[in-house]
């Protein structure tokens, strides 16, 4: 893996695609997001009522969380606006590295940090 790539057990970023594993229910299929379709990326803290216990799916249909059985032990999430009515909600294992690689891959895309 090079400096312009990111990979963990649930996500990968390469030169042109964000791949979100375990996205589709019930088939565990991956969602492949062309980097060119990303409009806004938001970084937010995981809290008890803010997604930490959402292992897979959604309750609001505004966001869809990929399958991540380790999410309960993580502190940071990202939403990715791709212009669809439902935004992917993802929790990389190394959020700082993920953000750095994604920012470099899509420099024109705004990144928002919520606290």
PDB file of N, CA and C in Angstrom:
ATOM      1  N   UNK A   1       0.848  -1.177   0.000  1.00  0.00           N
ATOM      2  CA  UNK A   1       0.000   0.000   0.000  1.00  0.00           C
ATOM      3  C   UNK A   1       0.894   1.242   0.000  1.00  0.00           C
ATOM      4  N   UNK A   2       0.551   2.211  -0.834  1.00  0.00           N
ATOM      5  CA  UNK A   2       1.331   3.442  -0.912  1.00  0.00           C
ATOM      6  C   UNK A   2       0.705   4.516  -0.041  1.00  0.00           C
ATOM      7  N   UNK A   3       1.376   5.665   0.060  1.00  0.00           N
ATOM      8  CA  UNK A   3       0.881   6.760   0.899  1.00  0.00           C
ATOM      9  C   UNK A   3      -0.437   7.332   0.403  1.00  0.00           C
ATOM     10  N   UNK A   4      -0.761   7.132  -0.880  1.00  0.00           N
ATOM     11  CA  UNK A   4      -2.003   7.678  -1.419  1.00  0.00           C
ATOM     12  C   UNK A   4      -3.141   6.667  -1.357  1.00  0.00           C
ATOM     13  N   UNK A   5      -2.961   5.589  -0.583  1.00  0.00           N
ATOM     14  CA  UNK A   5      -3.991   4.577  -0.425  1.00  0.00           C
ATOM     15  C   UNK A   5      -4.264   4.341   1.053  1.00  0.00           C
ATOM     16  N   UNK A   6      -5.473   3.833   1.329  1.00  0.00           N
ATOM     17  CA  UNK A   6      -5.846   3.478   2.695  1.00  0.00           C
ATOM     18  C   UNK A   6      -6.589   2.153   2.630  1.00  0.00           C
ATOM     19  N   UNK A   7      -6.344   1.290   3.605  1.00  0.00           N
ATOM     20  CA  UNK A   7      -7.089   0.036   3.671  1.00  0.00           C
ATOM     21  C   UNK A   7      -7.164  -0.444   5.103  1.00  0.00           C
ATOM     22  N   UNK A   8      -8.367  -0.893   5.493  1.00  0.00           N
ATOM     23  CA  UNK A   8      -8.551  -1.593   6.755  1.00  0.00           C
ATOM     24  C   UNK A   8      -9.590  -2.682   6.516  1.00  0.00           C
ATOM     25  N   UNK A   9     -10.124  -3.275   7.561  1.00  0.00           N
ATOM     26  CA  UNK A   9     -11.028  -4.412   7.381  1.00  0.00           C
ATOM     27  C   UNK A   9     -12.379  -4.029   6.777  1.00  0.00           C
ATOM     28  N   UNK A  10     -12.758  -2.761   6.825  1.00  0.00           N
ATOM     29  CA  UNK A  10     -14.069  -2.359   6.304  1.00  0.00           C
ATOM     30  C   UNK A  10     -14.007  -1.357   5.163  1.00  0.00           C
ATOM     31  N   UNK A  11     -12.858  -0.712   4.946  1.00  0.00           N
ATOM     32  CA  UNK A  11     -12.765   0.370   3.956  1.00  0.00           C
ATOM     33  C   UNK A  11     -11.474   0.297   3.164  1.00  0.00           C
ATOM     34  N   UNK A  12     -11.531   0.854   1.961  1.00  0.00           N
ATOM     35  CA  UNK A  12     -10.292   1.103   1.226  1.00  0.00           C
ATOM     36  C   UNK A  12     -10.483   2.323   0.339  1.00  0.00           C
ATOM     37  N   UNK A  13      -9.398   3.039   0.134  1.00  0.00           N
ATOM     38  CA  UNK A  13      -9.374   4.197  -0.758  1.00  0.00           C
ATOM     39  C   UNK A  13      -8.189   3.995  -1.682  1.00  0.00           C
ATOM     40  N   UNK A  14      -8.450   4.105  -2.996  1.00  0.00           N
ATOM     41  CA  UNK A  14      -7.345   4.098  -3.947  1.00  0.00           C
ATOM     42  C   UNK A  14      -7.467   5.345  -4.812  1.00  0.00           C
ATOM     43  N   UNK A  15      -6.822   5.387  -5.926  1.00  0.00           N
ATOM     44  CA  UNK A  15      -6.759   6.600  -6.747  1.00  0.00           C
ATOM     45  C   UNK A  15      -8.114   7.103  -7.222  1.00  0.00           C
ATOM     46  N   UNK A  16      -9.100   6.220  -7.368  1.00  0.00           N
ATOM     47  CA  UNK A  16     -10.380   6.683  -7.911  1.00  0.00           C
ATOM     48  C   UNK A  16     -11.620   6.152  -7.214  1.00  0.00           C
ATOM     49  N   UNK A  17     -11.475   5.312  -6.173  1.00  0.00           N
ATOM     50  CA  UNK A  17     -12.643   4.678  -5.561  1.00  0.00           C
ATOM     51  C   UNK A  17     -12.511   4.568  -4.046  1.00  0.00           C
ATOM     52  N   UNK A  18     -13.631   4.839  -3.360  1.00  0.00           N
ATOM     53  CA  UNK A  18     -13.789   4.514  -1.944  1.00  0.00           C
ATOM     54  C   UNK A  18     -14.632   3.242  -1.906  1.00  0.00           C
ATOM     55  N   UNK A  19     -14.091   2.173  -1.367  1.00  0.00           N
ATOM     56  CA  UNK A  19     -14.822   0.910  -1.265  1.00  0.00           C
ATOM     57  C   UNK A  19     -15.223   0.706   0.184  1.00  0.00           C
ATOM     58  N   UNK A  20     -16.535   0.507   0.399  1.00  0.00           N
ATOM     59  CA  UNK A  20     -17.088   0.313   1.736  1.00  0.00           C
ATOM     60  C   UNK A  20     -17.580  -1.129   1.803  1.00  0.00           C
ATOM     61  N   UNK A  21     -16.861  -1.969   2.530  1.00  0.00           N
ATOM     62  CA  UNK A  21     -17.223  -3.388   2.616  1.00  0.00           C
ATOM     63  C   UNK A  21     -18.382  -3.590   3.585  1.00  0.00           C
ATOM     64  N   UNK A  22     -19.156  -4.645   3.358  1.00  0.00           N
ATOM     65  CA  UNK A  22     -20.264  -4.975   4.245  1.00  0.00           C
ATOM     66  C   UNK A  22     -21.359  -3.930   4.231  1.00  0.00           C
ATOM     67  N   UNK A  23     -21.586  -3.312   3.098  1.00  0.00           N
ATOM     68  CA  UNK A  23     -22.539  -2.207   3.028  1.00  0.00           C
ATOM     69  C   UNK A  23     -23.972  -2.696   2.829  1.00  0.00           C
ATOM     70  N   UNK A  24     -24.161  -3.581   1.881  1.00  0.00           N
ATOM     71  CA  UNK A  24     -25.524  -3.967   1.500  1.00  0.00           C
ATOM     72  C   UNK A  24     -26.056  -5.089   2.377  1.00  0.00           C
ATOM     73  N   UNK A  25     -27.274  -4.923   2.831  1.00  0.00           N
ATOM     74  CA  UNK A  25     -27.964  -5.900   3.672  1.00  0.00           C
ATOM     75  C   UNK A  25     -28.914  -6.686   2.793  1.00  0.00           C
ATOM     76  N   UNK A  26     -29.037  -7.963   2.884  1.00  0.00           N
ATOM     77  CA  UNK A  26     -28.335  -8.904   3.754  1.00  0.00           C
ATOM     78  C   UNK A  26     -27.180  -9.614   3.070  1.00  0.00           C
ATOM     79  N   UNK A  27     -26.715  -9.129   1.947  1.00  0.00           N
ATOM     80  CA  UNK A  27     -25.728  -9.865   1.149  1.00  0.00           C
ATOM     81  C   UNK A  27     -24.283  -9.507   1.471  1.00  0.00           C
ATOM     82  N   UNK A  28     -24.033  -8.564   2.322  1.00  0.00           N
ATOM     83  CA  UNK A  28     -22.672  -8.173   2.714  1.00  0.00           C
ATOM     84  C   UNK A  28     -21.865  -7.578   1.568  1.00  0.00           C
ATOM     85  N   UNK A  29     -22.518  -7.160   0.509  1.00  0.00           N
ATOM     86  CA  UNK A  29     -21.803  -6.624  -0.649  1.00  0.00           C
ATOM     87  C   UNK A  29     -21.140  -5.287  -0.364  1.00  0.00           C
ATOM     88  N   UNK A  30     -20.119  -4.988  -1.149  1.00  0.00           N
ATOM     89  CA  UNK A  30     -19.382  -3.733  -1.002  1.00  0.00           C
ATOM     90  C   UNK A  30     -20.014  -2.636  -1.845  1.00  0.00           C
ATOM     91  N   UNK A  31     -19.976  -1.426  -1.334  1.00  0.00           N
ATOM     92  CA  UNK A  31     -20.388  -0.251  -2.097  1.00  0.00           C
ATOM     93  C   UNK A  31     -19.119   0.403  -2.616  1.00  0.00           C
ATOM     94  N   UNK A  32     -19.085   0.630  -3.908  1.00  0.00           N
ATOM     95  CA  UNK A  32     -17.933   1.291  -4.525  1.00  0.00           C
ATOM     96  C   UNK A  32     -18.352   2.697  -4.920  1.00  0.00           C
ATOM     97  N   UNK A  33     -17.730   3.672  -4.292  1.00  0.00           N
ATOM     98  CA  UNK A  33     -18.064   5.077  -4.507  1.00  0.00           C
ATOM     99  C   UNK A  33     -16.954   5.714  -5.341  1.00  0.00           C
ATOM    100  N   UNK A  34     -17.269   6.151  -6.560  1.00  0.00           N
ATOM    101  CA  UNK A  34     -16.248   6.884  -7.315  1.00  0.00           C
ATOM    102  C   UNK A  34     -15.886   8.162  -6.557  1.00  0.00           C
ATOM    103  N   UNK A  35     -14.603   8.429  -6.401  1.00  0.00           N
ATOM    104  CA  UNK A  35     -14.196   9.627  -5.665  1.00  0.00           C
ATOM    105  C   UNK A  35     -14.760  10.887  -6.308  1.00  0.00           C
ATOM    106  N   UNK A  36     -14.984  10.850  -7.602  1.00  0.00           N
ATOM    107  CA  UNK A  36     -15.531  12.016  -8.307  1.00  0.00           C
ATOM    108  C   UNK A  36     -16.969  12.319  -7.907  1.00  0.00           C
ATOM    109  N   UNK A  37     -17.669  11.375  -7.261  1.00  0.00           N
ATOM    110  CA  UNK A  37     -19.058  11.618  -6.857  1.00  0.00           C
ATOM    111  C   UNK A  37     -19.176  12.165  -5.435  1.00  0.00           C
ATOM    112  N   UNK A  38     -18.070  12.273  -4.715  1.00  0.00           N
ATOM    113  CA  UNK A  38     -18.112  12.764  -3.333  1.00  0.00           C
ATOM    114  C   UNK A  38     -18.270  14.278  -3.333  1.00  0.00           C
ATOM    115  N   UNK A  39     -19.302  14.759  -2.591  1.00  0.00           N
ATOM    116  CA  UNK A  39     -19.582  16.197  -2.511  1.00  0.00           C
ATOM    117  C   UNK A  39     -19.053  16.823  -1.227  1.00  0.00           C
ATOM    118  N   UNK A  40     -19.299  16.160  -0.100  1.00  0.00           N
ATOM    119  CA  UNK A  40     -18.880  16.666   1.216  1.00  0.00           C
ATOM    120  C   UNK A  40     -18.549  15.462   2.102  1.00  0.00           C
ATOM    121  N   UNK A  41     -17.512  15.591   2.903  1.00  0.00           N
ATOM    122  CA  UNK A  41     -17.170  14.575   3.898  1.00  0.00           C
ATOM    123  C   UNK A  41     -17.251  15.249   5.263  1.00  0.00           C
ATOM    124  N   UNK A  42     -17.958  14.609   6.186  1.00  0.00           N
ATOM    125  CA  UNK A  42     -18.102  15.156   7.534  1.00  0.00           C
ATOM    126  C   UNK A  42     -17.498  14.185   8.542  1.00  0.00           C
ATOM    127  N   UNK A  43     -16.636  14.717   9.404  1.00  0.00           N
ATOM    128  CA  UNK A  43     -16.035  13.934  10.484  1.00  0.00           C
ATOM    129  C   UNK A  43     -16.795  14.271  11.757  1.00  0.00           C
ATOM    130  N   UNK A  44     -17.209  13.248  12.505  1.00  0.00           N
ATOM    131  CA  UNK A  44     -17.968  13.493  13.718  1.00  0.00           C
ATOM    132  C   UNK A  44     -17.616  12.470  14.785  1.00  0.00           C
ATOM    133  N   UNK A  45     -17.818  12.839  16.048  1.00  0.00           N
ATOM    134  CA  UNK A  45     -17.525  11.898  17.126  1.00  0.00           C
ATOM    135  C   UNK A  45     -18.616  10.834  17.219  1.00  0.00           C
ATOM    136  N   UNK A  46     -18.221   9.625  17.553  1.00  0.00           N
ATOM    137  CA  UNK A  46     -19.194   8.571  17.837  1.00  0.00           C
ATOM    138  C   UNK A  46     -19.599   8.696  19.295  1.00  0.00           C
ATOM    139  N   UNK A  47     -20.886   8.727  19.537  1.00  0.00           N
ATOM    140  CA  UNK A  47     -21.405   8.819  20.898  1.00  0.00           C
ATOM    141  C   UNK A  47     -22.441   7.719  21.107  1.00  0.00           C
ATOM    142  N   UNK A  48     -22.880   7.560  22.332  1.00  0.00           N
ATOM    143  CA  UNK A  48     -23.880   6.536  22.638  1.00  0.00           C
ATOM    144  C   UNK A  48     -25.113   6.689  21.765  1.00  0.00           C
ATOM    145  N   UNK A  49     -25.591   7.918  21.607  1.00  0.00           N
ATOM    146  CA  UNK A  49     -26.795   8.158  20.799  1.00  0.00           C
ATOM    147  C   UNK A  49     -26.448   8.623  19.391  1.00  0.00           C
ATOM    148  N   UNK A  50     -25.174   8.674  19.066  1.00  0.00           N
ATOM    149  CA  UNK A  50     -24.753   9.151  17.760  1.00  0.00           C
ATOM    150  C   UNK A  50     -24.028   8.120  16.926  1.00  0.00           C
ATOM    151  N   UNK A  51     -24.510   6.872  16.938  1.00  0.00           N
ATOM    152  CA  UNK A  51     -24.002   5.871  16.026  1.00  0.00           C
ATOM    153  C   UNK A  51     -23.093   4.800  16.583  1.00  0.00           C
ATOM    154  N   UNK A  52     -22.609   4.965  17.813  1.00  0.00           N
ATOM    155  CA  UNK A  52     -21.661   3.979  18.347  1.00  0.00           C
ATOM    156  C   UNK A  52     -22.247   2.568  18.389  1.00  0.00           C
ATOM    157  N   UNK A  53     -23.516   2.421  18.691  1.00  0.00           N
ATOM    158  CA  UNK A  53     -24.134   1.102  18.820  1.00  0.00           C
ATOM    159  C   UNK A  53     -24.831   0.644  17.542  1.00  0.00           C
ATOM    160  N   UNK A  54     -24.713   1.410  16.488  1.00  0.00           N
ATOM    161  CA  UNK A  54     -25.301   1.022  15.197  1.00  0.00           C
ATOM    162  C   UNK A  54     -24.288   0.139  14.480  1.00  0.00           C
ATOM    163  N   UNK A  55     -24.450  -1.157  14.585  1.00  0.00           N
ATOM    164  CA  UNK A  55     -23.505  -2.100  13.981  1.00  0.00           C
ATOM    165  C   UNK A  55     -23.672  -2.150  12.463  1.00  0.00           C
ATOM    166  N   UNK A  56     -24.914  -2.017  11.998  1.00  0.00           N
ATOM    167  CA  UNK A  56     -25.179  -2.098  10.556  1.00  0.00           C
ATOM    168  C   UNK A  56     -26.548  -1.502  10.289  1.00  0.00           C
ATOM    169  N   UNK A  57     -26.677  -0.724   9.257  1.00  0.00           N
ATOM    170  CA  UNK A  57     -27.979  -0.217   8.849  1.00  0.00           C
ATOM    171  C   UNK A  57     -28.260   1.186   9.334  1.00  0.00           C
ATOM    172  N   UNK A  58     -29.568   1.464   9.537  1.00  0.00           N
ATOM    173  CA  UNK A  58     -29.980   2.821   9.873  1.00  0.00           C
ATOM    174  C   UNK A  58     -31.308   2.821  10.607  1.00  0.00           C
ATOM    175  N   UNK A  59     -31.542   3.878  11.355  1.00  0.00           N
ATOM    176  CA  UNK A  59     -32.868   4.099  11.923  1.00  0.00           C
ATOM    177  C   UNK A  59     -33.503   5.338  11.314  1.00  0.00           C
ATOM    178  N   UNK A  60     -32.712   6.179  10.665  1.00  0.00           N
ATOM    179  CA  UNK A  60     -33.227   7.441  10.133  1.00  0.00           C
ATOM    180  C   UNK A  60     -33.390   7.446   8.622  1.00  0.00           C
ATOM    181  N   UNK A  61     -32.744   6.536   7.938  1.00  0.00           N
ATOM    182  CA  UNK A  61     -32.696   6.495   6.476  1.00  0.00           C
ATOM    183  C   UNK A  61     -32.095   7.767   5.885  1.00  0.00           C
ATOM    184  N   UNK A  62     -31.387   8.526   6.713  1.00  0.00           N
ATOM    185  CA  UNK A  62     -30.570   9.632   6.215  1.00  0.00           C
ATOM    186  C   UNK A  62     -29.134   9.134   6.035  1.00  0.00           C
ATOM    187  N   UNK A  63     -28.744   8.183   6.890  1.00  0.00           N
ATOM    188  CA  UNK A  63     -27.406   7.591   6.857  1.00  0.00           C
ATOM    189  C   UNK A  63     -27.541   6.075   6.828  1.00  0.00           C
ATOM    190  N   UNK A  64     -26.552   5.400   6.233  1.00  0.00           N
ATOM    191  CA  UNK A  64     -26.511   3.940   6.254  1.00  0.00           C
ATOM    192  C   UNK A  64     -25.124   3.516   6.715  1.00  0.00           C
ATOM    193  N   UNK A  65     -25.092   2.780   7.818  1.00  0.00           N
ATOM    194  CA  UNK A  65     -23.828   2.308   8.381  1.00  0.00           C
ATOM    195  C   UNK A  65     -23.494   0.932   7.823  1.00  0.00           C
ATOM    196  N   UNK A  66     -22.287   0.802   7.290  1.00  0.00           N
ATOM    197  CA  UNK A  66     -21.841  -0.514   6.841  1.00  0.00           C
ATOM    198  C   UNK A  66     -21.628  -1.420   8.045  1.00  0.00           C
ATOM    199  N   UNK A  67     -21.561  -2.714   7.815  1.00  0.00           N
ATOM    200  CA  UNK A  67     -21.332  -3.667   8.894  1.00  0.00           C
ATOM    201  C   UNK A  67     -19.941  -3.441   9.490  1.00  0.00           C
ATOM    202  N   UNK A  68     -19.912  -3.117  10.784  1.00  0.00           N
ATOM    203  CA  UNK A  68     -18.644  -2.914  11.489  1.00  0.00           C
ATOM    204  C   UNK A  68     -18.843  -3.342  12.937  1.00  0.00           C
ATOM    205  N   UNK A  69     -18.457  -4.580  13.232  1.00  0.00           N
ATOM    206  CA  UNK A  69     -18.654  -5.111  14.580  1.00  0.00           C
ATOM    207  C   UNK A  69     -17.728  -4.459  15.602  1.00  0.00           C
ATOM    208  N   UNK A  70     -16.727  -3.712  15.132  1.00  0.00           N
ATOM    209  CA  UNK A  70     -15.813  -3.009  16.045  1.00  0.00           C
ATOM    210  C   UNK A  70     -16.235  -1.563  16.303  1.00  0.00           C
ATOM    211  N   UNK A  71     -17.338  -1.128  15.727  1.00  0.00           N
ATOM    212  CA  UNK A  71     -17.757   0.269  15.847  1.00  0.00           C
ATOM    213  C   UNK A  71     -17.938   0.698  17.303  1.00  0.00           C
ATOM    214  N   UNK A  72     -18.383  -0.206  18.162  1.00  0.00           N
ATOM    215  CA  UNK A  72     -18.630   0.157  19.563  1.00  0.00           C
ATOM    216  C   UNK A  72     -17.362   0.584  20.292  1.00  0.00           C
ATOM    217  N   UNK A  73     -16.188   0.212  19.752  1.00  0.00           N
ATOM    218  CA  UNK A  73     -14.910   0.563  20.389  1.00  0.00           C
ATOM    219  C   UNK A  73     -14.216   1.737  19.711  1.00  0.00           C
ATOM    220  N   UNK A  74     -14.894   2.372  18.778  1.00  0.00           N
ATOM    221  CA  UNK A  74     -14.283   3.473  18.030  1.00  0.00           C
ATOM    222  C   UNK A  74     -14.834   4.812  18.507  1.00  0.00           C
ATOM    223  N   UNK A  75     -14.125   5.880  18.174  1.00  0.00           N
ATOM    224  CA  UNK A  75     -14.508   7.216  18.625  1.00  0.00           C
ATOM    225  C   UNK A  75     -14.881   8.169  17.500  1.00  0.00           C
ATOM    226  N   UNK A  76     -14.566   7.809  16.251  1.00  0.00           N
ATOM    227  CA  UNK A  76     -14.721   8.743  15.141  1.00  0.00           C
ATOM    228  C   UNK A  76     -15.460   8.095  13.981  1.00  0.00           C
ATOM    229  N   UNK A  77     -16.365   8.867  13.379  1.00  0.00           N
ATOM    230  CA  UNK A  77     -17.103   8.414  12.197  1.00  0.00           C
ATOM    231  C   UNK A  77     -17.015   9.482  11.116  1.00  0.00           C
ATOM    232  N   UNK A  78     -17.347   9.090   9.905  1.00  0.00           N
ATOM    233  CA  UNK A  78     -17.428  10.007   8.772  1.00  0.00           C
ATOM    234  C   UNK A  78     -18.729   9.740   8.035  1.00  0.00           C
ATOM    235  N   UNK A  79     -19.362  10.800   7.554  1.00  0.00           N
ATOM    236  CA  UNK A  79     -20.448  10.641   6.595  1.00  0.00           C
ATOM    237  C   UNK A  79     -19.931  11.155   5.264  1.00  0.00           C
ATOM    238  N   UNK A  80     -20.400  10.521   4.197  1.00  0.00           N
ATOM    239  CA  UNK A  80     -19.925  10.853   2.863  1.00  0.00           C
ATOM    240  C   UNK A  80     -21.132  11.207   2.006  1.00  0.00           C
ATOM    241  N   UNK A  81     -21.258  12.488   1.667  1.00  0.00           N
ATOM    242  CA  UNK A  81     -22.357  12.945   0.817  1.00  0.00           C
ATOM    243  C   UNK A  81     -21.976  12.669  -0.630  1.00  0.00           C
ATOM    244  N   UNK A  82     -22.752  11.782  -1.267  1.00  0.00           N
ATOM    245  CA  UNK A  82     -22.494  11.432  -2.662  1.00  0.00           C
ATOM    246  C   UNK A  82     -23.651  11.862  -3.560  1.00  0.00           C
ATOM    247  N   UNK A  83     -24.506  12.741  -3.032  1.00  0.00           N
ATOM    248  CA  UNK A  83     -25.612  13.247  -3.824  1.00  0.00           C
ATOM    249  C   UNK A  83     -26.846  12.370  -3.805  1.00  0.00           C
ATOM    250  N   UNK A  84     -26.829  11.302  -3.028  1.00  0.00           N
ATOM    251  CA  UNK A  84     -27.986  10.415  -2.903  1.00  0.00           C
ATOM    252  C   UNK A  84     -28.753  10.784  -1.635  1.00  0.00           C
ATOM    253  N   UNK A  85     -29.965  10.268  -1.497  1.00  0.00           N
ATOM    254  CA  UNK A  85     -30.769  10.610  -0.321  1.00  0.00           C
ATOM    255  C   UNK A  85     -30.230   9.968   0.956  1.00  0.00           C
ATOM    256  N   UNK A  86     -29.493   8.881   0.834  1.00  0.00           N
ATOM    257  CA  UNK A  86     -28.897   8.213   1.993  1.00  0.00           C
ATOM    258  C   UNK A  86     -27.377   8.297   1.878  1.00  0.00           C
ATOM    259  N   UNK A  87     -26.739   8.781   2.944  1.00  0.00           N
ATOM    260  CA  UNK A  87     -25.284   8.939   2.951  1.00  0.00           C
ATOM    261  C   UNK A  87     -24.614   7.782   3.689  1.00  0.00           C
ATOM    262  N   UNK A  88     -23.512   7.262   3.160  1.00  0.00           N
ATOM    263  CA  UNK A  88     -22.748   6.266   3.904  1.00  0.00           C
ATOM    264  C   UNK A  88     -22.209   6.849   5.217  1.00  0.00           C
ATOM    265  N   UNK A  89     -22.286   6.050   6.268  1.00  0.00           N
ATOM    266  CA  UNK A  89     -21.781   6.367   7.605  1.00  0.00           C
ATOM    267  C   UNK A  89     -20.696   5.331   7.882  1.00  0.00           C
ATOM    268  N   UNK A  90     -19.444   5.757   7.962  1.00  0.00           N
ATOM    269  CA  UNK A  90     -18.327   4.823   8.044  1.00  0.00           C
ATOM    270  C   UNK A  90     -17.429   5.138   9.233  1.00  0.00           C
ATOM    271  N   UNK A  91     -16.754   4.107   9.719  1.00  0.00           N
ATOM    272  CA  UNK A  91     -15.880   4.254  10.883  1.00  0.00           C
ATOM    273  C   UNK A  91     -14.536   3.574  10.606  1.00  0.00           C
ATOM    274  N   UNK A  92     -13.610   4.313  10.000  1.00  0.00           N
ATOM    275  CA  UNK A  92     -12.302   3.724   9.705  1.00  0.00           C
ATOM    276  C   UNK A  92     -11.535   3.366  10.979  1.00  0.00           C
ATOM    277  N   UNK A  93     -10.686   2.360  10.861  1.00  0.00           N
ATOM    278  CA  UNK A  93      -9.872   1.933  12.005  1.00  0.00           C
ATOM    279  C   UNK A  93      -8.804   2.963  12.353  1.00  0.00           C
ATOM    280  N   UNK A  94      -8.331   3.689  11.350  1.00  0.00           N
ATOM    281  CA  UNK A  94      -7.322   4.736  11.552  1.00  0.00           C
ATOM    282  C   UNK A  94      -7.864   6.029  10.939  1.00  0.00           C
ATOM    283  N   UNK A  95      -8.729   6.728  11.666  1.00  0.00           N
ATOM    284  CA  UNK A  95      -9.438   7.875  11.083  1.00  0.00           C
ATOM    285  C   UNK A  95      -8.537   8.999  10.579  1.00  0.00           C
ATOM    286  N   UNK A  96      -7.450   9.294  11.265  1.00  0.00           N
ATOM    287  CA  UNK A  96      -6.566  10.375  10.811  1.00  0.00           C
ATOM    288  C   UNK A  96      -5.913  10.030   9.475  1.00  0.00           C
ATOM    289  N   UNK A  97      -5.441   8.803   9.347  1.00  0.00           N
ATOM    290  CA  UNK A  97      -4.834   8.374   8.086  1.00  0.00           C
ATOM    291  C   UNK A  97      -5.881   8.333   6.971  1.00  0.00           C
ATOM    292  N   UNK A  98      -7.073   7.811   7.266  1.00  0.00           N
ATOM    293  CA  UNK A  98      -8.156   7.775   6.282  1.00  0.00           C
ATOM    294  C   UNK A  98      -8.455   9.180   5.773  1.00  0.00           C
ATOM    295  N   UNK A  99      -8.613  10.128   6.699  1.00  0.00           N
ATOM    296  CA  UNK A  99      -8.915  11.502   6.307  1.00  0.00           C
ATOM    297  C   UNK A  99      -7.785  12.104   5.472  1.00  0.00           C
ATOM    298  N   UNK A 100      -6.565  11.892   5.868  1.00  0.00           N
ATOM    299  CA  UNK A 100      -5.417  12.429   5.130  1.00  0.00           C
ATOM    300  C   UNK A 100      -5.389  11.894   3.689  1.00  0.00           C
ATOM    301  N   UNK A 101      -5.590  10.599   3.518  1.00  0.00           N
ATOM    302  CA  UNK A 101      -5.579   9.993   2.181  1.00  0.00           C
ATOM    303  C   UNK A 101      -6.756  10.492   1.356  1.00  0.00           C
ATOM    304  N   UNK A 102      -7.942  10.557   1.960  1.00  0.00           N
ATOM    305  CA  UNK A 102      -9.122  11.010   1.216  1.00  0.00           C
ATOM    306  C   UNK A 102      -9.002  12.482   0.833  1.00  0.00           C
ATOM    307  N   UNK A 103      -8.507  13.311   1.746  1.00  0.00           N
ATOM    308  CA  UNK A 103      -8.300  14.732   1.416  1.00  0.00           C
ATOM    309  C   UNK A 103      -7.338  14.899   0.241  1.00  0.00           C
ATOM    310  N   UNK A 104      -6.280  14.110   0.223  1.00  0.00           N
ATOM    311  CA  UNK A 104      -5.312  14.194  -0.878  1.00  0.00           C
ATOM    312  C   UNK A 104      -5.921  13.712  -2.192  1.00  0.00           C
ATOM    313  N   UNK A 105      -6.818  12.730  -2.105  1.00  0.00           N
ATOM    314  CA  UNK A 105      -7.431  12.164  -3.314  1.00  0.00           C
ATOM    315  C   UNK A 105      -8.501  13.072  -3.906  1.00  0.00           C
ATOM    316  N   UNK A 106      -9.187  13.842  -3.047  1.00  0.00           N
ATOM    317  CA  UNK A 106     -10.264  14.734  -3.512  1.00  0.00           C
ATOM    318  C   UNK A 106     -10.062  16.128  -2.921  1.00  0.00           C
ATOM    319  N   UNK A 107      -9.032  16.852  -3.356  1.00  0.00           N
ATOM    320  CA  UNK A 107      -8.688  18.133  -2.730  1.00  0.00           C
ATOM    321  C   UNK A 107      -9.762  19.207  -2.856  1.00  0.00           C
ATOM    322  N   UNK A 108     -10.651  19.116  -3.826  1.00  0.00           N
ATOM    323  CA  UNK A 108     -11.684  20.137  -4.008  1.00  0.00           C
ATOM    324  C   UNK A 108     -12.916  19.894  -3.131  1.00  0.00           C
ATOM    325  N   UNK A 109     -12.995  18.743  -2.485  1.00  0.00           N
ATOM    326  CA  UNK A 109     -14.165  18.395  -1.672  1.00  0.00           C
ATOM    327  C   UNK A 109     -14.040  19.012  -0.286  1.00  0.00           C
ATOM    328  N   UNK A 110     -15.113  19.695   0.191  1.00  0.00           N
ATOM    329  CA  UNK A 110     -15.073  20.250   1.548  1.00  0.00           C
ATOM    330  C   UNK A 110     -15.118  19.145   2.609  1.00  0.00           C
ATOM    331  N   UNK A 111     -14.305  19.307   3.639  1.00  0.00           N
ATOM    332  CA  UNK A 111     -14.324  18.423   4.805  1.00  0.00           C
ATOM    333  C   UNK A 111     -14.828  19.253   5.980  1.00  0.00           C
ATOM    334  N   UNK A 112     -15.855  18.748   6.649  1.00  0.00           N
ATOM    335  CA  UNK A 112     -16.459  19.433   7.783  1.00  0.00           C
ATOM    336  C   UNK A 112     -16.160  18.610   9.031  1.00  0.00           C
ATOM    337  N   UNK A 113     -15.812  19.287  10.119  1.00  0.00           N
ATOM    338  CA  UNK A 113     -15.566  18.604  11.386  1.00  0.00           C
ATOM    339  C   UNK A 113     -16.634  19.049  12.367  1.00  0.00           C
ATOM    340  N   UNK A 114     -17.389  18.082  12.898  1.00  0.00           N
ATOM    341  CA  UNK A 114     -18.404  18.376  13.917  1.00  0.00           C
ATOM    342  C   UNK A 114     -17.901  17.845  15.246  1.00  0.00           C
ATOM    343  N   UNK A 115     -18.238  18.574  16.311  1.00  0.00           N
ATOM    344  CA  UNK A 115     -17.799  18.117  17.633  1.00  0.00           C
ATOM    345  C   UNK A 115     -18.981  17.795  18.513  1.00  0.00           C
TER     346      UNK A 115
END
